[in-house]
Amino acid sequence: MKIILTHEVSGLGAAGDVVDVKDGYARNYLIPRKFAIRWTKGGEKDVEQIRRARKIHEIQTIEQANQVKGQLEAVKVRLAVRSGDAGRLFGSVTPADIASAIKASGGPEVDKRRIELTAPIKTLGAHETSVRLHPEVAAKVNIEVVAA
């Protein structure tokens, strides 16, 4: 099935790309989560608009990405969440929580879709996540999760 990506999908492509995927992957995962739309001749016009919007929000050069990487790695991110006994959280820390904590700590604004969690954060303490700034540049961000 031919689809148009509306968001960046790891291992598949960036917003505005037209890709071929298996029918079930598109029908059951990408389209319901609004990561993609079906490709049509009329939808081809939307591709250029999506690409223009992506260029505005995207970090253009590796130098810019390295500069933002330095800012992200220098900031101390502290995230206060509700937790129970023994340091277990009620729920988990989401990429949106991390993005807002980075902004509140004085760091640059980061798109939540660029934050990559290897495993869900469900305990108090220090955790490390990566932020994909550019296809070639990723920043490591240390997060301290504390009880609220």
C-alpha atoms as a PDB file:
ATOM      1  CA  MET A   1       0.000   0.000   0.000  1.00  0.00           C
ATOM      2  CA  LYS A   2       1.294   3.437  -0.869  1.00  0.00           C
ATOM      3  CA  ILE A   3       1.000   5.995   1.965  1.00  0.00           C
ATOM      4  CA  ILE A   4       2.113   9.528   2.781  1.00  0.00           C
ATOM      5  CA  LEU A   5       3.789   9.924   6.177  1.00  0.00           C
ATOM      6  CA  THR A   6       2.482  12.829   8.259  1.00  0.00           C
ATOM      7  CA  HIS A   7       4.980  12.293  11.116  1.00  0.00           C
ATOM      8  CA  GLU A   8       8.467  10.860  11.352  1.00  0.00           C
ATOM      9  CA  VAL A   9       8.425   7.084  11.839  1.00  0.00           C
ATOM     10  CA  SER A  10      11.673   5.415  12.908  1.00  0.00           C
ATOM     11  CA  GLY A  11      12.973   3.031  10.279  1.00  0.00           C
ATOM     12  CA  LEU A  12      10.430   4.148   7.694  1.00  0.00           C
ATOM     13  CA  GLY A  13      10.841   7.825   6.842  1.00  0.00           C
ATOM     14  CA  ALA A  14      10.129  11.438   7.674  1.00  0.00           C
ATOM     15  CA  ALA A  15       6.996  13.545   7.321  1.00  0.00           C
ATOM     16  CA  GLY A  16       6.068  14.107   3.702  1.00  0.00           C
ATOM     17  CA  ASP A  17       7.712  10.940   2.388  1.00  0.00           C
ATOM     18  CA  VAL A  18       5.694   8.637   0.136  1.00  0.00           C
ATOM     19  CA  VAL A  19       6.469   5.013   1.035  1.00  0.00           C
ATOM     20  CA  ASP A  20       5.194   1.519   0.266  1.00  0.00           C
ATOM     21  CA  VAL A  21       4.290  -0.622   3.283  1.00  0.00           C
ATOM     22  CA  LYS A  22       2.307  -3.785   3.908  1.00  0.00           C
ATOM     23  CA  ASP A  23      -1.461  -3.275   3.932  1.00  0.00           C
ATOM     24  CA  GLY A  24      -1.938  -4.437   7.536  1.00  0.00           C
ATOM     25  CA  TYR A  25       0.829  -2.184   8.888  1.00  0.00           C
ATOM     26  CA  ALA A  26      -0.799   0.820   7.247  1.00  0.00           C
ATOM     27  CA  ARG A  27      -4.403  -0.074   8.137  1.00  0.00           C
ATOM     28  CA  ASN A  28      -3.815  -1.239  11.702  1.00  0.00           C
ATOM     29  CA  TYR A  29      -0.965   0.954  12.930  1.00  0.00           C
ATOM     30  CA  LEU A  30       0.059   3.960  10.832  1.00  0.00           C
ATOM     31  CA  ILE A  31      -3.313   5.352   9.699  1.00  0.00           C
ATOM     32  CA  PRO A  32      -5.250   4.949  13.012  1.00  0.00           C
ATOM     33  CA  ARG A  33      -2.430   6.679  14.931  1.00  0.00           C
ATOM     34  CA  LYS A  34      -2.375   9.526  12.369  1.00  0.00           C
ATOM     35  CA  PHE A  35       1.242   8.776  11.394  1.00  0.00           C
ATOM     36  CA  ALA A  36       0.194   8.464   7.746  1.00  0.00           C
ATOM     37  CA  ILE A  37      -2.585   9.026   5.248  1.00  0.00           C
ATOM     38  CA  ARG A  38      -3.476   7.001   2.162  1.00  0.00           C
ATOM     39  CA  TRP A  39      -1.775   8.086  -1.031  1.00  0.00           C
ATOM     40  CA  THR A  40      -4.064   9.575  -3.645  1.00  0.00           C
ATOM     41  CA  LYS A  41      -3.479  11.878  -6.576  1.00  0.00           C
ATOM     42  CA  GLY A  42      -5.161  14.651  -4.590  1.00  0.00           C
ATOM     43  CA  GLY A  43      -3.084  13.772  -1.537  1.00  0.00           C
ATOM     44  CA  GLU A  44       0.077  14.333  -3.563  1.00  0.00           C
ATOM     45  CA  LYS A  45      -0.627  18.078  -3.242  1.00  0.00           C
ATOM     46  CA  ASP A  46      -0.524  17.731   0.550  1.00  0.00           C
ATOM     47  CA  VAL A  47       2.994  16.279   0.370  1.00  0.00           C
ATOM     48  CA  GLU A  48       4.535  19.626  -0.556  1.00  0.00           C
ATOM     49  CA  GLN A  49       2.699  21.378   2.289  1.00  0.00           C
ATOM     50  CA  ILE A  50       3.860  18.726   4.782  1.00  0.00           C
ATOM     51  CA  ARG A  51       7.453  19.056   3.539  1.00  0.00           C
ATOM     52  CA  ARG A  52       7.372  22.855   3.890  1.00  0.00           C
ATOM     53  CA  ALA A  53       6.076  22.558   7.461  1.00  0.00           C
ATOM     54  CA  ARG A  54       8.785  19.982   8.222  1.00  0.00           C
ATOM     55  CA  LYS A  55      11.543  22.292   6.921  1.00  0.00           C
ATOM     56  CA  ILE A  56      10.378  25.077   9.229  1.00  0.00           C
ATOM     57  CA  HIS A  57      10.506  22.886  12.337  1.00  0.00           C
ATOM     58  CA  GLU A  58      13.479  20.751  11.359  1.00  0.00           C
ATOM     59  CA  ILE A  59      17.061  21.433  12.311  1.00  0.00           C
ATOM     60  CA  GLN A  60      18.670  22.145   8.955  1.00  0.00           C
ATOM     61  CA  THR A  61      22.377  21.490   9.385  1.00  0.00           C
ATOM     62  CA  ILE A  62      24.649  19.258  11.391  1.00  0.00           C
ATOM     63  CA  GLU A  63      26.205  22.371  12.973  1.00  0.00           C
ATOM     64  CA  GLN A  64      22.806  23.454  14.311  1.00  0.00           C
ATOM     65  CA  ALA A  65      22.171  19.928  15.568  1.00  0.00           C
ATOM     66  CA  ASN A  66      25.530  19.835  17.361  1.00  0.00           C
ATOM     67  CA  GLN A  67      24.815  23.211  18.957  1.00  0.00           C
ATOM     68  CA  VAL A  68      21.421  22.011  20.258  1.00  0.00           C
ATOM     69  CA  LYS A  69      23.078  18.753  21.360  1.00  0.00           C
ATOM     70  CA  GLY A  70      25.536  20.741  23.500  1.00  0.00           C
ATOM     71  CA  GLN A  71      22.676  22.676  25.081  1.00  0.00           C
ATOM     72  CA  LEU A  72      20.691  19.509  25.816  1.00  0.00           C
ATOM     73  CA  GLU A  73      23.617  17.641  27.348  1.00  0.00           C
ATOM     74  CA  ALA A  74      24.516  20.623  29.551  1.00  0.00           C
ATOM     75  CA  VAL A  75      21.056  21.070  31.081  1.00  0.00           C
ATOM     76  CA  LYS A  76      20.113  19.300  34.317  1.00  0.00           C
ATOM     77  CA  VAL A  77      16.623  17.883  33.826  1.00  0.00           C
ATOM     78  CA  ARG A  78      14.646  17.185  36.979  1.00  0.00           C
ATOM     79  CA  LEU A  79      11.159  15.704  36.710  1.00  0.00           C
ATOM     80  CA  ALA A  80       8.827  15.529  39.726  1.00  0.00           C
ATOM     81  CA  VAL A  81       6.206  12.785  39.506  1.00  0.00           C
ATOM     82  CA  ARG A  82       3.806  11.014  41.862  1.00  0.00           C
ATOM     83  CA  SER A  83       5.150   7.764  43.202  1.00  0.00           C
ATOM     84  CA  GLY A  84       4.261   5.062  45.672  1.00  0.00           C
ATOM     85  CA  ASP A  85       6.329   3.180  48.177  1.00  0.00           C
ATOM     86  CA  ALA A  86       9.612   1.618  47.041  1.00  0.00           C
ATOM     87  CA  GLY A  87      10.075   4.231  44.310  1.00  0.00           C
ATOM     88  CA  ARG A  88       7.507   2.896  41.835  1.00  0.00           C
ATOM     89  CA  LEU A  89       5.663   5.525  39.781  1.00  0.00           C
ATOM     90  CA  PHE A  90       1.924   5.763  39.259  1.00  0.00           C
ATOM     91  CA  GLY A  91       2.054   5.205  35.502  1.00  0.00           C
ATOM     92  CA  SER A  92       5.212   6.081  33.596  1.00  0.00           C
ATOM     93  CA  VAL A  93       7.140   9.057  32.294  1.00  0.00           C
ATOM     94  CA  THR A  94       6.149   9.903  28.705  1.00  0.00           C
ATOM     95  CA  PRO A  95       8.158  11.688  26.011  1.00  0.00           C
ATOM     96  CA  ALA A  96       5.790  14.671  26.385  1.00  0.00           C
ATOM     97  CA  ASP A  97       6.688  14.867  30.110  1.00  0.00           C
ATOM     98  CA  ILE A  98      10.379  14.800  29.230  1.00  0.00           C
ATOM     99  CA  ALA A  99       9.991  17.513  26.570  1.00  0.00           C
ATOM    100  CA  SER A 100       8.195  19.836  29.000  1.00  0.00           C
ATOM    101  CA  ALA A 101      10.790  19.122  31.730  1.00  0.00           C
ATOM    102  CA  ILE A 102      13.625  20.011  29.343  1.00  0.00           C
ATOM    103  CA  LYS A 103      11.893  23.298  28.484  1.00  0.00           C
ATOM    104  CA  ALA A 104      11.214  24.049  32.175  1.00  0.00           C
ATOM    105  CA  SER A 105      14.869  23.367  33.038  1.00  0.00           C
ATOM    106  CA  GLY A 106      16.003  26.084  30.639  1.00  0.00           C
ATOM    107  CA  GLY A 107      16.868  23.830  27.708  1.00  0.00           C
ATOM    108  CA  PRO A 108      15.831  24.230  24.089  1.00  0.00           C
ATOM    109  CA  GLU A 109      12.347  23.275  22.941  1.00  0.00           C
ATOM    110  CA  VAL A 110      12.321  19.649  21.812  1.00  0.00           C
ATOM    111  CA  ASP A 111       9.640  17.863  19.806  1.00  0.00           C
ATOM    112  CA  LYS A 112       8.281  14.952  21.837  1.00  0.00           C
ATOM    113  CA  ARG A 113       8.358  12.695  18.769  1.00  0.00           C
ATOM    114  CA  ARG A 114      12.147  13.019  18.634  1.00  0.00           C
ATOM    115  CA  ILE A 115      12.633  11.636  22.157  1.00  0.00           C
ATOM    116  CA  GLU A 116      13.507   7.955  22.077  1.00  0.00           C
ATOM    117  CA  LEU A 117      12.897   5.865  25.182  1.00  0.00           C
ATOM    118  CA  THR A 118      14.517   2.429  25.139  1.00  0.00           C
ATOM    119  CA  ALA A 119      12.274   1.235  27.976  1.00  0.00           C
ATOM    120  CA  PRO A 120       9.419   2.878  29.902  1.00  0.00           C
ATOM    121  CA  ILE A 121      10.544   4.947  32.892  1.00  0.00           C
ATOM    122  CA  LYS A 122       8.588   3.596  35.875  1.00  0.00           C
ATOM    123  CA  THR A 123      10.954   4.158  38.811  1.00  0.00           C
ATOM    124  CA  LEU A 124      12.516   7.079  40.644  1.00  0.00           C
ATOM    125  CA  GLY A 125      16.182   7.864  40.078  1.00  0.00           C
ATOM    126  CA  ALA A 126      18.506   8.791  37.228  1.00  0.00           C
ATOM    127  CA  HIS A 127      17.615   7.721  33.687  1.00  0.00           C
ATOM    128  CA  GLU A 128      19.150   8.397  30.282  1.00  0.00           C
ATOM    129  CA  THR A 129      17.238   9.013  27.066  1.00  0.00           C
ATOM    130  CA  SER A 130      18.293  10.045  23.602  1.00  0.00           C
ATOM    131  CA  VAL A 131      16.920  12.825  21.439  1.00  0.00           C
ATOM    132  CA  ARG A 132      17.256  12.388  17.671  1.00  0.00           C
ATOM    133  CA  LEU A 133      18.042  15.923  16.468  1.00  0.00           C
ATOM    134  CA  HIS A 134      19.225  15.103  12.961  1.00  0.00           C
ATOM    135  CA  PRO A 135      19.571  11.815  11.080  1.00  0.00           C
ATOM    136  CA  GLU A 136      23.268  11.837  12.035  1.00  0.00           C
ATOM    137  CA  VAL A 137      23.127  13.512  15.467  1.00  0.00           C
ATOM    138  CA  ALA A 138      21.563  12.249  18.697  1.00  0.00           C
ATOM    139  CA  ALA A 139      21.897  13.853  22.124  1.00  0.00           C
ATOM    140  CA  LYS A 140      21.971  11.928  25.404  1.00  0.00           C
ATOM    141  CA  VAL A 141      19.836  13.571  28.075  1.00  0.00           C
ATOM    142  CA  ASN A 142      20.126  12.613  31.743  1.00  0.00           C
ATOM    143  CA  ILE A 143      16.846  12.851  33.642  1.00  0.00           C
ATOM    144  CA  GLU A 144      16.473  12.719  37.384  1.00  0.00           C
ATOM    145  CA  VAL A 145      13.005  11.478  38.323  1.00  0.00           C
ATOM    146  CA  VAL A 146      12.056  12.565  41.860  1.00  0.00           C
ATOM    147  CA  ALA A 147       8.962  12.135  44.011  1.00  0.00           C
ATOM    148  CA  ALA A 148       6.510  15.025  43.968  1.00  0.00           C
END
